[in-house]
Amino acid sequence: MATIQSETDCYDIIEVLGKGTFGEVAKGWRRSTGEMVAIKILKNDAYRNRIIKNELKLLHCMRGLDPEEAHVIRFLEFFHDALKFYLVFELLEQNLFEFQKENNFAPLPARHIRTVTLQVLRALARLKELAIIHADLKPENIMLECANCMHLKNTGEACVAEAERMR
């Protein structure tokens, strides 16, 4: 088990939850609060440096949103060392794809479809107010806060600031 440290906190890495194009997401234990968190870990190189700067700009724009009302994931902190960048987020239960897979891709009841659709639309509307476009909307990027109650949050993954896109 590895330990990483920011200026304000210390995290114990419990397990890797997933790997993607730009890095990996690990489950970590935040020592100061005792809460479990999701830590996005990216290599610290010139290519990813540009990506991380964009993502931090978006997270900065989104900081005024109420994560519960806007259905977006809660961002906790960012830090880096010589080798890696770390973005710390609240840990959510599972993504919509995993939920569907776990249920053999059975159709969701209409009430769940309405709930999910309404929450995704609320998240997209709030992002639109900030001139942010979500460029990768898919079940893997929709996290369920509570699988039983179908309360979800958008990861903000692959959001594109409209101003950046227009350049």
C-alpha atoms as a PDB file:
ATOM      1  CA  MET A   1       0.000   0.000   0.000  1.00  0.00           C
ATOM      2  CA  ALA A   2       1.478   3.337  -1.118  1.00  0.00           C
ATOM      3  CA  THR A   3       1.091   6.658   0.656  1.00  0.00           C
ATOM      4  CA  ILE A   4       0.999  10.031  -1.071  1.00  0.00           C
ATOM      5  CA  GLN A   5       1.023  13.441   0.560  1.00  0.00           C
ATOM      6  CA  SER A   6      -0.253  16.876  -0.403  1.00  0.00           C
ATOM      7  CA  GLU A   7       0.585  20.082   1.460  1.00  0.00           C
ATOM      8  CA  THR A   8      -2.515  19.639   3.604  1.00  0.00           C
ATOM      9  CA  ASP A   9      -3.281  15.920   3.728  1.00  0.00           C
ATOM     10  CA  CYS A  10      -2.002  12.382   3.517  1.00  0.00           C
ATOM     11  CA  TYR A  11      -3.622   9.578   1.491  1.00  0.00           C
ATOM     12  CA  ASP A  12      -3.156   5.814   1.654  1.00  0.00           C
ATOM     13  CA  ILE A  13      -3.784   4.154  -1.719  1.00  0.00           C
ATOM     14  CA  ILE A  14      -6.047   1.151  -1.155  1.00  0.00           C
ATOM     15  CA  GLU A  15      -6.541  -0.178  -4.689  1.00  0.00           C
ATOM     16  CA  VAL A  16      -6.629   0.825  -8.341  1.00  0.00           C
ATOM     17  CA  LEU A  17     -10.250   1.191  -9.476  1.00  0.00           C
ATOM     18  CA  GLY A  18      -9.601   1.659 -13.167  1.00  0.00           C
ATOM     19  CA  LYS A  19      -7.175   2.671 -15.860  1.00  0.00           C
ATOM     20  CA  GLY A  20      -7.847   4.927 -18.799  1.00  0.00           C
ATOM     21  CA  THR A  21      -6.164   6.732 -21.643  1.00  0.00           C
ATOM     22  CA  PHE A  22      -4.672   9.454 -19.479  1.00  0.00           C
ATOM     23  CA  GLY A  23      -3.969   7.661 -16.225  1.00  0.00           C
ATOM     24  CA  GLU A  24      -5.623   5.688 -13.475  1.00  0.00           C
ATOM     25  CA  VAL A  25      -8.105   6.177 -10.676  1.00  0.00           C
ATOM     26  CA  ALA A  26      -7.318   4.770  -7.255  1.00  0.00           C
ATOM     27  CA  LYS A  27      -9.366   4.370  -4.113  1.00  0.00           C
ATOM     28  CA  GLY A  28      -7.638   6.144  -1.251  1.00  0.00           C
ATOM     29  CA  TRP A  29      -8.104   6.771   2.443  1.00  0.00           C
ATOM     30  CA  ARG A  30      -7.867  10.430   3.479  1.00  0.00           C
ATOM     31  CA  ARG A  31      -6.163  10.381   6.873  1.00  0.00           C
ATOM     32  CA  SER A  32      -7.410  13.786   8.076  1.00  0.00           C
ATOM     33  CA  THR A  33     -11.097  12.883   7.726  1.00  0.00           C
ATOM     34  CA  GLY A  34     -11.065   9.094   7.553  1.00  0.00           C
ATOM     35  CA  GLU A  35     -13.122   9.224   4.354  1.00  0.00           C
ATOM     36  CA  MET A  36     -12.527   7.127   1.265  1.00  0.00           C
ATOM     37  CA  VAL A  37     -11.761   9.185  -1.853  1.00  0.00           C
ATOM     38  CA  ALA A  38     -11.106   8.697  -5.557  1.00  0.00           C
ATOM     39  CA  ILE A  39      -7.670   9.853  -6.697  1.00  0.00           C
ATOM     40  CA  LYS A  40      -7.055  10.447 -10.383  1.00  0.00           C
ATOM     41  CA  ILE A  41      -3.348   9.860 -11.031  1.00  0.00           C
ATOM     42  CA  LEU A  42      -1.645  11.149 -14.183  1.00  0.00           C
ATOM     43  CA  LYS A  43       1.997  11.014 -15.260  1.00  0.00           C
ATOM     44  CA  ASN A  44       3.795  14.336 -14.911  1.00  0.00           C
ATOM     45  CA  ASP A  45       4.989  14.962 -18.463  1.00  0.00           C
ATOM     46  CA  ALA A  46       4.652  17.793 -21.008  1.00  0.00           C
ATOM     47  CA  TYR A  47       1.682  16.195 -22.822  1.00  0.00           C
ATOM     48  CA  ARG A  48      -0.359  15.527 -19.692  1.00  0.00           C
ATOM     49  CA  ASN A  49       0.672  18.888 -18.229  1.00  0.00           C
ATOM     50  CA  ARG A  50      -1.513  20.593 -20.856  1.00  0.00           C
ATOM     51  CA  ILE A  51      -4.404  18.203 -20.147  1.00  0.00           C
ATOM     52  CA  ILE A  52      -4.188  18.723 -16.400  1.00  0.00           C
ATOM     53  CA  LYS A  53      -4.091  22.523 -16.792  1.00  0.00           C
ATOM     54  CA  ASN A  54      -7.296  22.330 -18.855  1.00  0.00           C
ATOM     55  CA  GLU A  55      -8.983  20.068 -16.314  1.00  0.00           C
ATOM     56  CA  LEU A  56      -7.964  22.340 -13.427  1.00  0.00           C
ATOM     57  CA  LYS A  57      -9.363  25.333 -15.319  1.00  0.00           C
ATOM     58  CA  LEU A  58     -12.681  23.518 -15.673  1.00  0.00           C
ATOM     59  CA  LEU A  59     -12.711  22.450 -12.026  1.00  0.00           C
ATOM     60  CA  HIS A  60     -11.973  26.061 -11.064  1.00  0.00           C
ATOM     61  CA  CYS A  61     -14.973  27.221 -13.143  1.00  0.00           C
ATOM     62  CA  MET A  62     -17.164  24.566 -11.508  1.00  0.00           C
ATOM     63  CA  ARG A  63     -16.133  25.335  -7.907  1.00  0.00           C
ATOM     64  CA  GLY A  64     -19.142  27.600  -7.376  1.00  0.00           C
ATOM     65  CA  LEU A  65     -21.594  24.817  -8.193  1.00  0.00           C
ATOM     66  CA  ASP A  66     -23.344  22.924  -5.425  1.00  0.00           C
ATOM     67  CA  PRO A  67     -22.317  19.327  -6.266  1.00  0.00           C
ATOM     68  CA  GLU A  68     -25.609  17.931  -4.953  1.00  0.00           C
ATOM     69  CA  GLU A  69     -27.881  20.363  -6.796  1.00  0.00           C
ATOM     70  CA  ALA A  70     -25.835  20.345 -10.015  1.00  0.00           C
ATOM     71  CA  HIS A  71     -25.173  16.582  -9.974  1.00  0.00           C
ATOM     72  CA  VAL A  72     -21.415  16.966 -10.453  1.00  0.00           C
ATOM     73  CA  ILE A  73     -18.690  15.188  -8.560  1.00  0.00           C
ATOM     74  CA  ARG A  74     -17.142  17.015  -5.574  1.00  0.00           C
ATOM     75  CA  PHE A  75     -13.522  18.013  -6.207  1.00  0.00           C
ATOM     76  CA  LEU A  76     -11.374  18.064  -3.069  1.00  0.00           C
ATOM     77  CA  GLU A  77      -7.828  19.004  -4.058  1.00  0.00           C
ATOM     78  CA  PHE A  78      -4.976  18.883  -6.564  1.00  0.00           C
ATOM     79  CA  PHE A  79      -1.276  18.309  -5.928  1.00  0.00           C
ATOM     80  CA  HIS A  80       1.758  16.859  -7.717  1.00  0.00           C
ATOM     81  CA  ASP A  81       5.250  15.562  -7.262  1.00  0.00           C
ATOM     82  CA  ALA A  82       8.088  15.134  -9.750  1.00  0.00           C
ATOM     83  CA  LEU A  83       6.492  12.066 -11.359  1.00  0.00           C
ATOM     84  CA  LYS A  84       2.710  12.402 -11.061  1.00  0.00           C
ATOM     85  CA  PHE A  85      -0.305  14.719 -10.842  1.00  0.00           C
ATOM     86  CA  TYR A  86      -3.063  13.885  -8.342  1.00  0.00           C
ATOM     87  CA  LEU A  87      -6.686  15.059  -8.428  1.00  0.00           C
ATOM     88  CA  VAL A  88      -8.754  14.055  -5.396  1.00  0.00           C
ATOM     89  CA  PHE A  89     -12.538  13.643  -5.647  1.00  0.00           C
ATOM     90  CA  GLU A  90     -15.312  12.222  -3.515  1.00  0.00           C
ATOM     91  CA  LEU A  91     -15.636   8.460  -3.952  1.00  0.00           C
ATOM     92  CA  LEU A  92     -18.936   7.366  -5.476  1.00  0.00           C
ATOM     93  CA  GLU A  93     -20.419   3.883  -5.487  1.00  0.00           C
ATOM     94  CA  GLN A  94     -20.241   2.794  -9.139  1.00  0.00           C
ATOM     95  CA  ASN A  95     -20.821   4.061 -12.655  1.00  0.00           C
ATOM     96  CA  LEU A  96     -23.993   3.539 -14.660  1.00  0.00           C
ATOM     97  CA  PHE A  97     -22.326   1.010 -16.988  1.00  0.00           C
ATOM     98  CA  GLU A  98     -21.206  -1.147 -14.032  1.00  0.00           C
ATOM     99  CA  PHE A  99     -24.727  -0.929 -12.587  1.00  0.00           C
ATOM    100  CA  GLN A 100     -26.243  -2.044 -15.910  1.00  0.00           C
ATOM    101  CA  LYS A 101     -23.690  -4.860 -16.289  1.00  0.00           C
ATOM    102  CA  GLU A 102     -24.344  -6.032 -12.709  1.00  0.00           C
ATOM    103  CA  ASN A 103     -28.045  -6.261 -13.652  1.00  0.00           C
ATOM    104  CA  ASN A 104     -27.379  -8.191 -16.901  1.00  0.00           C
ATOM    105  CA  PHE A 105     -28.219  -5.065 -18.930  1.00  0.00           C
ATOM    106  CA  ALA A 106     -31.889  -5.479 -18.053  1.00  0.00           C
ATOM    107  CA  PRO A 107     -33.946  -2.436 -19.076  1.00  0.00           C
ATOM    108  CA  LEU A 108     -34.316   0.113 -16.300  1.00  0.00           C
ATOM    109  CA  PRO A 109     -37.826   0.821 -15.049  1.00  0.00           C
ATOM    110  CA  ALA A 110     -39.311   4.003 -16.555  1.00  0.00           C
ATOM    111  CA  ARG A 111     -39.125   5.779 -13.180  1.00  0.00           C
ATOM    112  CA  HIS A 112     -35.332   5.192 -13.060  1.00  0.00           C
ATOM    113  CA  ILE A 113     -34.911   6.333 -16.666  1.00  0.00           C
ATOM    114  CA  ARG A 114     -36.795   9.550 -15.813  1.00  0.00           C
ATOM    115  CA  THR A 115     -34.671  10.086 -12.690  1.00  0.00           C
ATOM    116  CA  VAL A 116     -31.374   9.500 -14.500  1.00  0.00           C
ATOM    117  CA  THR A 117     -32.388  11.633 -17.485  1.00  0.00           C
ATOM    118  CA  LEU A 118     -33.541  14.513 -15.298  1.00  0.00           C
ATOM    119  CA  GLN A 119     -30.311  14.495 -13.278  1.00  0.00           C
ATOM    120  CA  VAL A 120     -28.093  14.322 -16.388  1.00  0.00           C
ATOM    121  CA  LEU A 121     -30.039  17.194 -17.962  1.00  0.00           C
ATOM    122  CA  ARG A 122     -29.688  19.278 -14.775  1.00  0.00           C
ATOM    123  CA  ALA A 123     -25.925  18.664 -14.787  1.00  0.00           C
ATOM    124  CA  LEU A 124     -25.637  19.573 -18.473  1.00  0.00           C
ATOM    125  CA  ALA A 125     -27.727  22.725 -17.960  1.00  0.00           C
ATOM    126  CA  ARG A 126     -25.469  23.867 -15.107  1.00  0.00           C
ATOM    127  CA  LEU A 127     -22.366  23.170 -17.220  1.00  0.00           C
ATOM    128  CA  LYS A 128     -23.904  25.109 -20.105  1.00  0.00           C
ATOM    129  CA  GLU A 129     -24.371  28.115 -17.794  1.00  0.00           C
ATOM    130  CA  LEU A 130     -20.581  28.020 -17.307  1.00  0.00           C
ATOM    131  CA  ALA A 131     -19.954  27.649 -21.098  1.00  0.00           C
ATOM    132  CA  ILE A 132     -18.709  24.088 -20.545  1.00  0.00           C
ATOM    133  CA  ILE A 133     -19.577  21.293 -22.959  1.00  0.00           C
ATOM    134  CA  HIS A 134     -19.363  17.667 -21.866  1.00  0.00           C
ATOM    135  CA  ALA A 135     -17.670  15.939 -24.800  1.00  0.00           C
ATOM    136  CA  ASP A 136     -17.794  12.342 -23.548  1.00  0.00           C
ATOM    137  CA  LEU A 137     -21.222  11.596 -22.114  1.00  0.00           C
ATOM    138  CA  LYS A 138     -21.528   7.833 -21.631  1.00  0.00           C
ATOM    139  CA  PRO A 139     -22.606   5.411 -18.883  1.00  0.00           C
ATOM    140  CA  GLU A 140     -18.998   5.004 -17.682  1.00  0.00           C
ATOM    141  CA  ASN A 141     -18.838   8.754 -16.904  1.00  0.00           C
ATOM    142  CA  ILE A 142     -22.099   8.853 -14.958  1.00  0.00           C
ATOM    143  CA  MET A 143     -21.459   7.883 -11.371  1.00  0.00           C
ATOM    144  CA  LEU A 144     -24.143   6.597  -9.042  1.00  0.00           C
ATOM    145  CA  GLU A 145     -23.892   8.050  -5.574  1.00  0.00           C
ATOM    146  CA  CYS A 146     -26.325   5.412  -4.375  1.00  0.00           C
ATOM    147  CA  ALA A 147     -27.247   2.585  -6.747  1.00  0.00           C
ATOM    148  CA  ASN A 148     -30.489   1.831  -4.898  1.00  0.00           C
ATOM    149  CA  CYS A 149     -31.781   5.400  -5.033  1.00  0.00           C
ATOM    150  CA  MET A 150     -30.432   6.186  -8.546  1.00  0.00           C
ATOM    151  CA  HIS A 151     -28.901   9.481  -7.364  1.00  0.00           C
ATOM    152  CA  LEU A 152     -26.116  10.248  -9.788  1.00  0.00           C
ATOM    153  CA  LYS A 153     -23.287  12.652 -10.450  1.00  0.00           C
ATOM    154  CA  ASN A 154     -21.444  13.464 -13.622  1.00  0.00           C
ATOM    155  CA  THR A 155     -17.688  13.012 -13.402  1.00  0.00           C
ATOM    156  CA  GLY A 156     -16.950  16.049 -15.553  1.00  0.00           C
ATOM    157  CA  GLU A 157     -14.617  13.763 -17.458  1.00  0.00           C
ATOM    158  CA  ALA A 158     -13.838  15.072 -20.945  1.00  0.00           C
ATOM    159  CA  CYS A 159     -15.556  18.422 -20.499  1.00  0.00           C
ATOM    160  CA  VAL A 160     -14.463  21.069 -22.924  1.00  0.00           C
ATOM    161  CA  ALA A 161     -14.675  24.774 -22.156  1.00  0.00           C
ATOM    162  CA  GLU A 162     -16.508  26.426 -25.030  1.00  0.00           C
ATOM    163  CA  ALA A 163     -14.017  29.281 -25.041  1.00  0.00           C
ATOM    164  CA  GLU A 164     -11.162  26.788 -25.502  1.00  0.00           C
ATOM    165  CA  ARG A 165     -13.064  24.967 -28.235  1.00  0.00           C
ATOM    166  CA  MET A 166     -13.682  28.192 -30.156  1.00  0.00           C
ATOM    167  CA  ARG A 167      -9.936  29.000 -30.389  1.00  0.00           C
END
